[in-house]
């Protein structure tokens, strides 16, 4: 099990980041602006001094920074839950920053007792509100949500139980937040440049004409064909691109489960399988070597090195969880086009490029009071948890749709 990384808040560092916010947003976040929807701060301010779990959607790697700057606008400092592996990025320097702004780690999908204890402590004490991304993975899709787990609601109820044990009748709220990324200017030239790089890397002939959609589909088709060959998949003659993507995902997951000798969950939700497999890999790779001989340690290290390669496979599955042929065609904004293009870019180059100056629009939903579900939770726990999770997802999707409807859109030819 990966070691727990607790929060180590530094008032000096937090204030320094706030002071440098304009420079960081311009140079560290590629000239990004934060815009808070009218009325959102007023709704949030009503929770001043109250215990709350803040749940934003998670479509972009800059979401934590966006929430930090939202806290700055709301004149509050937050705690954050982050996946344990990100604390090791940049040789641990990323983790140092995270811990000192109030973040702590969780091993995704695992019974991480130390992390759960910290969550219960923060929510029950109520000194700071806590930010948790209930999707658990970066969706890389700006208009939709990955399926939410009931974990956010469960953790909140554990904290509410702690309040009751202390004889406190305080309320605890779950707050839906929507983060919407938009490009302020026309990014067609950046889309064309990225497409050209992908065509060159994948040796894809450029289709006749200047329209971008056929070029994107040609690149996607080539990428899927390459991956099918890698995973020994031969698509049926009448298989659509959607069928091929679905089959490919399952082939990757099945190969991993066979190697690790575990059964995939019966649920048809791909993310359930991803979380289970990631857990299994983490448990082996970071297993304590106390008591092992030198030879046993060497053998474990060799196998761990081989198994680490599966992390790439898991990222590949998540990268294609929500992609489907038609996502762009049904609503061909430049942001949707960039969503799909960036998934391919991430697969081929291992990173994505920001296509131009962005604006992150933030909205706040109606707080969900756990006290109103407490009696049902005591008698029908799973039903109550699912109701809260469904309400959270409904509000988040509704806000994203409203933000999309309200904005001035630029469409790709």
Protein backbone atom coordinates (compact mmCIF):
# COMPACT_ATOMS: atom_id res chain seq x y z
CA UNK A 1 0.00 0.00 0.00
CA UNK A 2 1.28 3.47 -0.83
CA UNK A 3 2.17 5.52 2.23
CA UNK A 4 -0.34 8.19 3.25
CA UNK A 5 0.55 11.82 2.62
CA UNK A 6 -1.20 14.14 5.13
CA UNK A 7 -1.96 17.84 4.64
CA UNK A 8 0.71 20.26 5.91
CA UNK A 9 -0.89 23.65 5.35
CA UNK A 10 1.52 26.56 5.05
CA UNK A 11 -0.14 29.97 5.39
CA UNK A 12 2.97 31.60 3.92
CA UNK A 13 2.94 29.42 0.79
CA UNK A 14 -0.82 29.78 0.29
CA UNK A 15 -0.61 33.57 0.53
CA UNK A 16 2.41 33.59 -1.79
CA UNK A 17 0.48 31.64 -4.44
CA UNK A 18 -2.45 34.04 -4.12
CA UNK A 19 -0.08 36.97 -4.57
CA UNK A 20 1.38 35.36 -7.70
CA UNK A 21 -2.04 34.26 -9.03
CA UNK A 22 -2.14 36.57 -12.10
CA UNK A 23 1.32 35.45 -13.22
CA UNK A 24 0.60 31.78 -12.58
CA UNK A 25 -2.67 31.87 -14.52
CA UNK A 26 -0.93 33.55 -17.43
CA UNK A 27 2.26 31.48 -17.62
CA UNK A 28 1.61 28.35 -15.54
CA UNK A 29 -1.91 27.78 -16.90
CA UNK A 30 -1.38 29.05 -20.46
CA UNK A 31 -3.15 32.40 -20.11
CA UNK A 32 -6.25 31.15 -18.31
CA UNK A 33 -8.92 33.37 -16.79
CA UNK A 34 -11.37 32.39 -14.04
CA UNK A 35 -14.96 33.59 -14.37
CA UNK A 36 -17.55 32.86 -11.70
CA UNK A 37 -21.15 32.78 -12.87
CA UNK A 38 -23.43 35.46 -11.50
CA UNK A 39 -25.04 34.38 -8.25
CA UNK A 40 -22.61 31.48 -7.65
CA UNK A 41 -20.57 33.23 -4.96
CA UNK A 42 -23.75 34.36 -3.21
CA UNK A 43 -24.98 30.76 -3.04
CA UNK A 44 -21.61 29.62 -1.76
CA UNK A 45 -21.35 32.40 0.83
CA UNK A 46 -24.47 31.06 2.57
CA UNK A 47 -22.31 28.14 3.68
CA UNK A 48 -19.78 30.40 5.40
CA UNK A 49 -18.64 28.72 8.59
CA UNK A 50 -20.56 25.52 7.80
CA UNK A 51 -19.20 22.04 7.16
CA UNK A 52 -19.19 21.08 3.48
CA UNK A 53 -17.76 18.66 0.95
CA UNK A 54 -17.25 20.45 -2.38
CA UNK A 55 -17.68 18.20 -5.43
CA UNK A 56 -16.64 19.61 -8.84
CA UNK A 57 -16.57 17.78 -12.18
CA UNK A 58 -13.08 16.75 -13.27
CA UNK A 59 -12.42 17.28 -16.98
CA UNK A 60 -8.99 18.86 -16.90
CA UNK A 61 -5.66 18.59 -15.08
CA UNK A 62 -6.00 22.26 -14.04
CA UNK A 63 -9.21 21.66 -12.07
CA UNK A 64 -7.45 21.75 -8.66
CA UNK A 65 -5.90 25.11 -9.51
CA UNK A 66 -9.31 26.39 -10.65
CA UNK A 67 -10.77 25.39 -7.27
CA UNK A 68 -7.89 27.07 -5.44
CA UNK A 69 -8.67 30.32 -7.24
CA UNK A 70 -12.38 29.87 -6.60
CA UNK A 71 -11.52 29.63 -2.90
CA UNK A 72 -9.53 32.83 -3.23
CA UNK A 73 -12.59 34.58 -4.69
CA UNK A 74 -14.79 33.12 -1.94
CA UNK A 75 -12.22 34.20 0.69
CA UNK A 76 -11.81 30.66 1.98
CA UNK A 77 -8.96 28.14 2.03
CA UNK A 78 -9.88 24.55 1.24
CA UNK A 79 -8.46 21.10 1.89
CA UNK A 80 -8.17 18.78 -1.12
CA UNK A 81 -8.19 15.03 -1.73
CA UNK A 82 -5.78 13.95 -4.49
CA UNK A 83 -4.83 10.57 -5.95
CA UNK A 84 -1.77 9.18 -4.16
CA UNK A 85 0.34 8.78 -7.31
CA UNK A 86 0.33 12.50 -8.13
CA UNK A 87 2.31 13.19 -4.95
CA UNK A 88 5.28 11.40 -6.56
CA UNK A 89 5.28 13.46 -9.76
CA UNK A 90 8.31 15.65 -10.45
CA UNK A 91 10.40 13.54 -8.05
CA UNK A 92 8.06 14.34 -5.19
CA UNK A 93 8.14 18.12 -5.64
CA UNK A 94 4.52 18.11 -6.81
CA UNK A 95 3.52 16.36 -3.58
CA UNK A 96 5.41 18.90 -1.48
CA UNK A 97 3.37 21.72 -3.02
CA UNK A 98 0.12 19.82 -2.69
CA UNK A 99 0.60 19.00 0.97
CA UNK A 100 1.53 22.57 1.85
CA UNK A 101 -1.61 24.03 0.27
CA UNK A 102 -3.76 21.57 2.22
CA UNK A 103 -4.02 18.46 0.05
CA UNK A 104 -3.75 14.88 1.24
CA UNK A 105 -3.62 11.55 -0.56
CA UNK A 106 -6.05 8.74 -1.26
CA UNK A 107 -5.39 5.43 -3.01
CA UNK A 108 -8.27 5.35 -5.49
CA UNK A 109 -10.74 2.52 -5.10
CA UNK A 110 -8.95 1.08 -2.08
CA UNK A 111 -9.93 0.96 1.60
CA UNK A 112 -7.41 3.70 2.40
CA UNK A 113 -8.10 3.94 6.13
CA UNK A 114 -5.68 6.78 6.85
CA UNK A 115 -7.22 8.90 4.10
CA UNK A 116 -10.76 8.07 5.25
CA UNK A 117 -9.85 9.04 8.82
CA UNK A 118 -8.48 12.36 7.60
CA UNK A 119 -11.62 13.03 5.56
CA UNK A 120 -13.84 12.32 8.54
CA UNK A 121 -11.67 14.55 10.74
CA UNK A 122 -11.71 17.51 8.34
CA UNK A 123 -15.45 17.32 7.67
CA UNK A 124 -16.44 16.83 11.32
CA UNK A 125 -14.15 19.55 12.64
CA UNK A 126 -15.32 22.00 9.98
CA UNK A 127 -12.26 24.26 10.04
CA UNK A 128 -12.04 24.09 6.26
CA UNK A 129 -14.29 22.86 3.51
CA UNK A 130 -13.00 19.85 1.58
CA UNK A 131 -12.69 19.55 -2.22
CA UNK A 132 -13.15 16.05 -3.65
CA UNK A 133 -13.58 15.14 -7.34
CA UNK A 134 -16.25 12.39 -7.33
CA UNK A 135 -15.48 11.18 -10.86
CA UNK A 136 -12.14 9.89 -9.58
CA UNK A 137 -10.49 10.23 -12.99
CA UNK A 138 -9.88 13.14 -15.36
CA UNK A 139 -12.61 12.73 -17.97
CA UNK A 140 -10.98 14.99 -20.59
CA UNK A 141 -14.52 15.73 -21.76
CA UNK A 142 -15.93 19.16 -21.06
CA UNK A 143 -19.66 18.53 -21.48
CA UNK A 144 -20.31 15.25 -19.70
CA UNK A 145 -19.55 13.34 -16.49
CA UNK A 146 -18.00 9.97 -15.89
CA UNK A 147 -20.21 7.78 -13.66
CA UNK A 148 -20.00 9.00 -10.06
CA UNK A 149 -19.21 6.69 -7.17
CA UNK A 150 -21.21 6.85 -3.93
CA UNK A 151 -17.99 7.36 -1.96
CA UNK A 152 -18.47 11.11 -1.52
CA UNK A 153 -21.82 10.58 0.16
CA UNK A 154 -20.52 7.69 2.27
CA UNK A 155 -17.54 9.67 3.57
CA UNK A 156 -19.85 12.56 4.43
CA UNK A 157 -22.19 10.32 6.42
CA UNK A 158 -19.25 8.92 8.39
CA UNK A 159 -18.38 12.50 9.34
CA UNK A 160 -22.02 13.17 10.25
CA UNK A 161 -21.99 10.09 12.49
CA UNK A 162 -18.90 11.50 14.19
CA UNK A 163 -20.75 14.76 14.87
CA UNK A 164 -23.61 12.82 16.42
CA UNK A 165 -21.20 10.91 18.66
CA UNK A 166 -19.93 14.26 19.91
CA UNK A 167 -23.47 15.41 20.61
CA UNK A 168 -23.38 18.05 17.88
CA UNK A 169 -26.46 18.61 15.73
CA UNK A 170 -24.54 20.53 13.05
CA UNK A 171 -25.48 20.09 9.41
CA UNK A 172 -23.10 18.84 6.71
CA UNK A 173 -23.54 19.72 3.06
CA UNK A 174 -22.38 18.35 -0.29
CA UNK A 175 -21.91 21.20 -2.76
CA UNK A 176 -22.06 20.51 -6.54
CA UNK A 177 -19.67 22.63 -8.62
CA UNK A 178 -19.43 22.90 -12.41
CA UNK A 179 -16.17 23.79 -14.15
CA UNK A 180 -16.54 24.68 -17.83
CA UNK A 181 -13.47 25.28 -20.02
CA UNK A 182 -13.91 27.52 -23.03
CA UNK A 183 -11.55 29.11 -25.52
CA UNK A 184 -11.89 32.87 -25.72
CA UNK A 185 -10.65 33.16 -29.31
CA UNK A 186 -10.78 31.17 -32.53
CA UNK A 187 -8.39 28.21 -32.13
CA UNK A 188 -8.73 26.76 -35.64
CA UNK A 189 -5.06 27.35 -36.45
CA UNK A 190 -3.99 25.42 -33.32
CA UNK A 191 -6.37 22.55 -34.19
CA UNK A 192 -4.92 22.39 -37.70
CA UNK A 193 -1.37 22.40 -36.35
CA UNK A 194 -2.13 19.54 -33.91
CA UNK A 195 -3.86 17.53 -36.63
CA UNK A 196 -0.86 17.96 -38.93
CA UNK A 197 1.51 16.68 -36.21
CA UNK A 198 -0.71 13.65 -35.58
CA UNK A 199 -1.00 12.90 -39.30
CA UNK A 200 2.78 13.00 -39.58
CA UNK A 201 3.33 10.81 -36.52
CA UNK A 202 0.75 8.23 -37.61
CA UNK A 203 1.59 8.43 -41.35
CA UNK A 204 -1.99 9.35 -42.21
CA UNK A 205 -2.53 10.85 -45.69
CA UNK A 206 -4.44 14.09 -45.51
CA UNK A 207 -7.98 13.71 -46.92
CA UNK A 208 -8.91 15.96 -49.82
CA UNK A 209 -10.59 19.24 -48.90
CA UNK A 210 -9.97 21.58 -45.99
CA UNK A 211 -12.62 20.38 -43.52
CA UNK A 212 -11.23 19.27 -40.19
CA UNK A 213 -13.72 16.56 -39.23
CA UNK A 214 -12.68 14.07 -41.98
CA UNK A 215 -9.04 14.62 -41.01
CA UNK A 216 -9.81 13.90 -37.34
CA UNK A 217 -11.72 10.74 -38.24
CA UNK A 218 -8.85 9.54 -40.43
CA UNK A 219 -6.42 10.01 -37.55
CA UNK A 220 -8.79 8.26 -35.11
CA UNK A 221 -9.29 5.36 -37.52
CA UNK A 222 -5.53 4.86 -37.88
CA UNK A 223 -4.96 5.02 -34.13
CA UNK A 224 -7.66 2.45 -33.40
CA UNK A 225 -6.24 0.17 -36.11
CA UNK A 226 -2.76 0.37 -34.56
CA UNK A 227 -4.09 -0.44 -31.10
CA UNK A 228 -6.22 -3.31 -32.44
CA UNK A 229 -3.08 -4.85 -33.91
CA UNK A 230 -1.22 -4.38 -30.62
CA UNK A 231 -3.95 -6.17 -28.68
CA UNK A 232 -4.57 -8.87 -31.32
CA UNK A 233 -8.04 -7.65 -32.23
CA UNK A 234 -9.64 -8.16 -35.64
CA UNK A 235 -12.80 -6.08 -35.96
CA UNK A 236 -15.85 -7.51 -37.68
CA UNK A 237 -16.47 -6.20 -41.19
CA UNK A 238 -19.66 -4.43 -40.13
CA UNK A 239 -18.23 -3.04 -36.85
CA UNK A 240 -18.66 0.69 -36.35
CA UNK A 241 -15.93 2.84 -34.83
CA UNK A 242 -17.93 2.86 -31.58
CA UNK A 243 -18.08 -0.96 -31.60
CA UNK A 244 -14.36 -1.18 -32.20
CA UNK A 245 -13.53 1.21 -29.34
CA UNK A 246 -15.76 -0.75 -26.94
CA UNK A 247 -14.25 -4.08 -27.99
CA UNK A 248 -10.73 -2.67 -27.67
CA UNK A 249 -11.39 -1.42 -24.14
CA UNK A 250 -12.62 -4.84 -23.05
CA UNK A 251 -9.66 -6.58 -24.72
CA UNK A 252 -7.22 -4.40 -22.76
CA UNK A 253 -9.02 -5.02 -19.46
CA UNK A 254 -9.30 -8.77 -20.10
CA UNK A 255 -5.60 -9.08 -20.91
CA UNK A 256 -4.70 -7.33 -17.65
CA UNK A 257 -7.11 -9.36 -15.52
CA UNK A 258 -5.77 -12.61 -16.98
CA UNK A 259 -2.18 -11.63 -16.24
CA UNK A 260 -3.04 -10.56 -12.69
CA UNK A 261 -5.28 -13.62 -12.22
CA UNK A 262 -8.33 -11.73 -11.00
CA UNK A 263 -11.93 -11.65 -12.19
CA UNK A 264 -13.31 -8.39 -13.50
CA UNK A 265 -16.35 -7.00 -11.63
CA UNK A 266 -19.74 -8.12 -12.89
CA UNK A 267 -20.77 -4.49 -13.38
CA UNK A 268 -20.74 -3.36 -17.02
CA UNK A 269 -19.20 -0.04 -15.98
CA UNK A 270 -15.69 0.17 -17.38
CA UNK A 271 -14.46 2.39 -14.55
CA UNK A 272 -15.30 -0.28 -11.97
CA UNK A 273 -12.85 -2.60 -13.71
CA UNK A 274 -10.24 0.16 -14.06
CA UNK A 275 -10.40 0.94 -10.34
CA UNK A 276 -10.14 -2.72 -9.36
CA UNK A 277 -7.13 -3.31 -11.61
CA UNK A 278 -5.36 -0.12 -10.56
CA UNK A 279 -5.82 -1.23 -6.95
CA UNK A 280 -4.36 -4.65 -7.63
CA UNK A 281 -1.35 -3.14 -9.40
CA UNK A 282 -0.74 -0.60 -6.61
CA UNK A 283 -0.92 -3.31 -3.97
CA UNK A 284 1.76 -5.37 -5.71
CA UNK A 285 4.07 -2.58 -6.88
CA UNK A 286 4.15 -0.87 -3.48
CA UNK A 287 3.97 -4.02 -1.35
CA UNK A 288 6.24 -3.91 1.71
CA UNK A 289 9.41 -5.97 1.24
CA UNK A 290 10.10 -6.47 4.95
CA UNK A 291 11.27 -10.00 5.68
CA UNK A 292 12.12 -10.87 2.08
CA UNK A 293 15.52 -12.19 1.10
CA UNK A 294 17.68 -10.22 -1.33
CA UNK A 295 16.80 -12.68 -4.07
CA UNK A 296 13.07 -12.37 -3.31
CA UNK A 297 13.36 -8.58 -3.42
CA UNK A 298 15.05 -8.78 -6.83
CA UNK A 299 12.32 -11.05 -8.17
CA UNK A 300 9.62 -8.78 -6.77
CA UNK A 301 11.33 -5.76 -8.34
CA UNK A 302 11.46 -7.45 -11.74
CA UNK A 303 7.79 -8.39 -11.65
CA UNK A 304 6.83 -4.94 -10.34
CA UNK A 305 8.68 -3.31 -13.25
CA UNK A 306 6.71 -5.46 -15.71
CA UNK A 307 3.38 -4.80 -14.00
CA UNK A 308 3.99 -1.03 -13.95
CA UNK A 309 3.55 -1.16 -17.72
CA UNK A 310 -0.15 -1.78 -17.10
CA UNK A 311 -0.55 1.77 -15.81
CA UNK A 312 -0.27 2.89 -19.42
CA UNK A 313 -2.98 0.40 -20.40
CA UNK A 314 -5.29 1.73 -17.68
CA UNK A 315 -4.70 5.31 -18.78
CA UNK A 316 -5.48 4.20 -22.34
CA UNK A 317 -8.80 2.70 -21.27
CA UNK A 318 -9.80 5.81 -19.29
CA UNK A 319 -8.75 7.98 -22.22
CA UNK A 320 -11.34 6.25 -24.39
CA UNK A 321 -14.11 5.68 -21.82
CA UNK A 322 -16.37 8.48 -23.03
CA UNK A 323 -15.21 8.96 -26.62
CA UNK A 324 -17.60 7.93 -29.35
CA UNK A 325 -18.13 8.66 -33.00
CA UNK A 326 -20.65 11.46 -33.17
CA UNK A 327 -19.61 13.37 -30.04
CA UNK A 328 -18.28 16.15 -32.23
CA UNK A 329 -20.65 15.81 -35.16
CA UNK A 330 -23.76 16.34 -33.01
CA UNK A 331 -22.41 19.64 -31.64
CA UNK A 332 -19.20 20.64 -33.42
CA UNK A 333 -17.90 23.42 -31.17
CA UNK A 334 -14.18 24.04 -31.15
CA UNK A 335 -14.08 22.87 -27.52
CA UNK A 336 -15.65 19.49 -28.36
CA UNK A 337 -13.31 19.11 -31.29
CA UNK A 338 -10.38 19.86 -28.99
CA UNK A 339 -11.70 17.32 -26.42
CA UNK A 340 -11.42 14.43 -28.87
CA UNK A 341 -8.25 15.72 -30.50
CA UNK A 342 -6.57 15.94 -27.10
CA UNK A 343 -7.45 12.33 -26.27
CA UNK A 344 -5.65 11.23 -29.41
CA UNK A 345 -2.82 13.65 -28.71
CA UNK A 346 -2.43 12.21 -25.19
CA UNK A 347 -2.29 8.67 -26.55
CA UNK A 348 0.19 9.44 -29.33
CA UNK A 349 2.45 12.04 -27.68
CA UNK A 350 1.85 11.35 -23.98
CA UNK A 351 0.79 14.93 -23.35
CA UNK A 352 -1.63 17.53 -24.64
CA UNK A 353 -1.19 21.10 -25.77
CA UNK A 354 -3.40 23.99 -24.70
CA UNK A 355 -4.83 25.42 -27.92
CA UNK A 356 -5.11 29.04 -26.81
CA UNK A 357 -6.14 31.38 -23.99
CA UNK A 358 -8.93 29.81 -21.96
CA UNK A 359 -11.68 30.89 -19.64
CA UNK A 360 -12.83 28.55 -16.85
CA UNK A 361 -16.44 29.36 -15.95
CA UNK A 362 -17.46 28.17 -12.48
CA UNK A 363 -20.98 27.67 -11.17
CA UNK A 364 -22.27 26.54 -7.77
CA UNK A 365 -25.29 24.31 -7.34
CA UNK A 366 -27.75 23.94 -4.49
CA UNK A 367 -26.13 22.40 -1.39
CA UNK A 368 -27.37 18.91 -0.48
CA UNK A 369 -28.09 18.70 3.26
CA UNK A 370 -27.19 15.21 4.53
CA UNK A 371 -29.42 15.65 7.58
CA UNK A 372 -32.45 15.44 5.29
CA UNK A 373 -31.33 11.95 4.19
CA UNK A 374 -30.13 10.70 7.57
CA UNK A 375 -33.20 8.68 8.56
CA UNK A 376 -33.28 6.94 5.18
CA UNK A 377 -29.55 6.30 5.43
CA UNK A 378 -30.05 4.49 8.73
CA UNK A 379 -32.71 2.18 7.31
CA UNK A 380 -31.80 1.90 3.62
CA UNK A 381 -28.15 2.89 3.33
CA UNK A 382 -27.54 2.00 -0.33
CA UNK A 383 -30.74 3.72 -1.45
CA UNK A 384 -29.87 6.93 0.38
CA UNK A 385 -26.30 6.97 -0.93
CA UNK A 386 -27.47 6.45 -4.51
CA UNK A 387 -30.14 9.17 -4.22
CA UNK A 388 -27.57 11.70 -3.06
CA UNK A 389 -25.12 10.65 -5.76
CA UNK A 390 -27.81 10.91 -8.44
CA UNK A 391 -28.81 14.37 -7.19
CA UNK A 392 -25.18 15.45 -7.27
CA UNK A 393 -24.73 14.20 -10.84
CA UNK A 394 -28.03 15.74 -12.00
CA UNK A 395 -27.07 19.16 -10.69
CA UNK A 396 -23.55 19.01 -12.16
CA UNK A 397 -24.82 17.98 -15.60
CA UNK A 398 -27.55 20.62 -15.47
CA UNK A 399 -25.06 23.37 -14.68
CA UNK A 400 -22.72 22.26 -17.47
CA UNK A 401 -25.62 22.30 -19.94
CA UNK A 402 -26.68 25.77 -18.77
CA UNK A 403 -23.15 27.13 -19.11
CA UNK A 404 -22.93 25.67 -22.61
CA UNK A 405 -26.29 27.18 -23.58
CA UNK A 406 -25.42 30.65 -22.26
CA UNK A 407 -22.04 31.12 -23.88
CA UNK A 408 -21.16 32.40 -27.33
CA UNK A 409 -19.98 29.35 -29.26
CA UNK A 410 -17.52 29.02 -32.10
CA UNK A 411 -18.06 26.07 -34.41
CA UNK A 412 -15.57 24.06 -36.45
CA UNK A 413 -16.25 23.69 -40.17
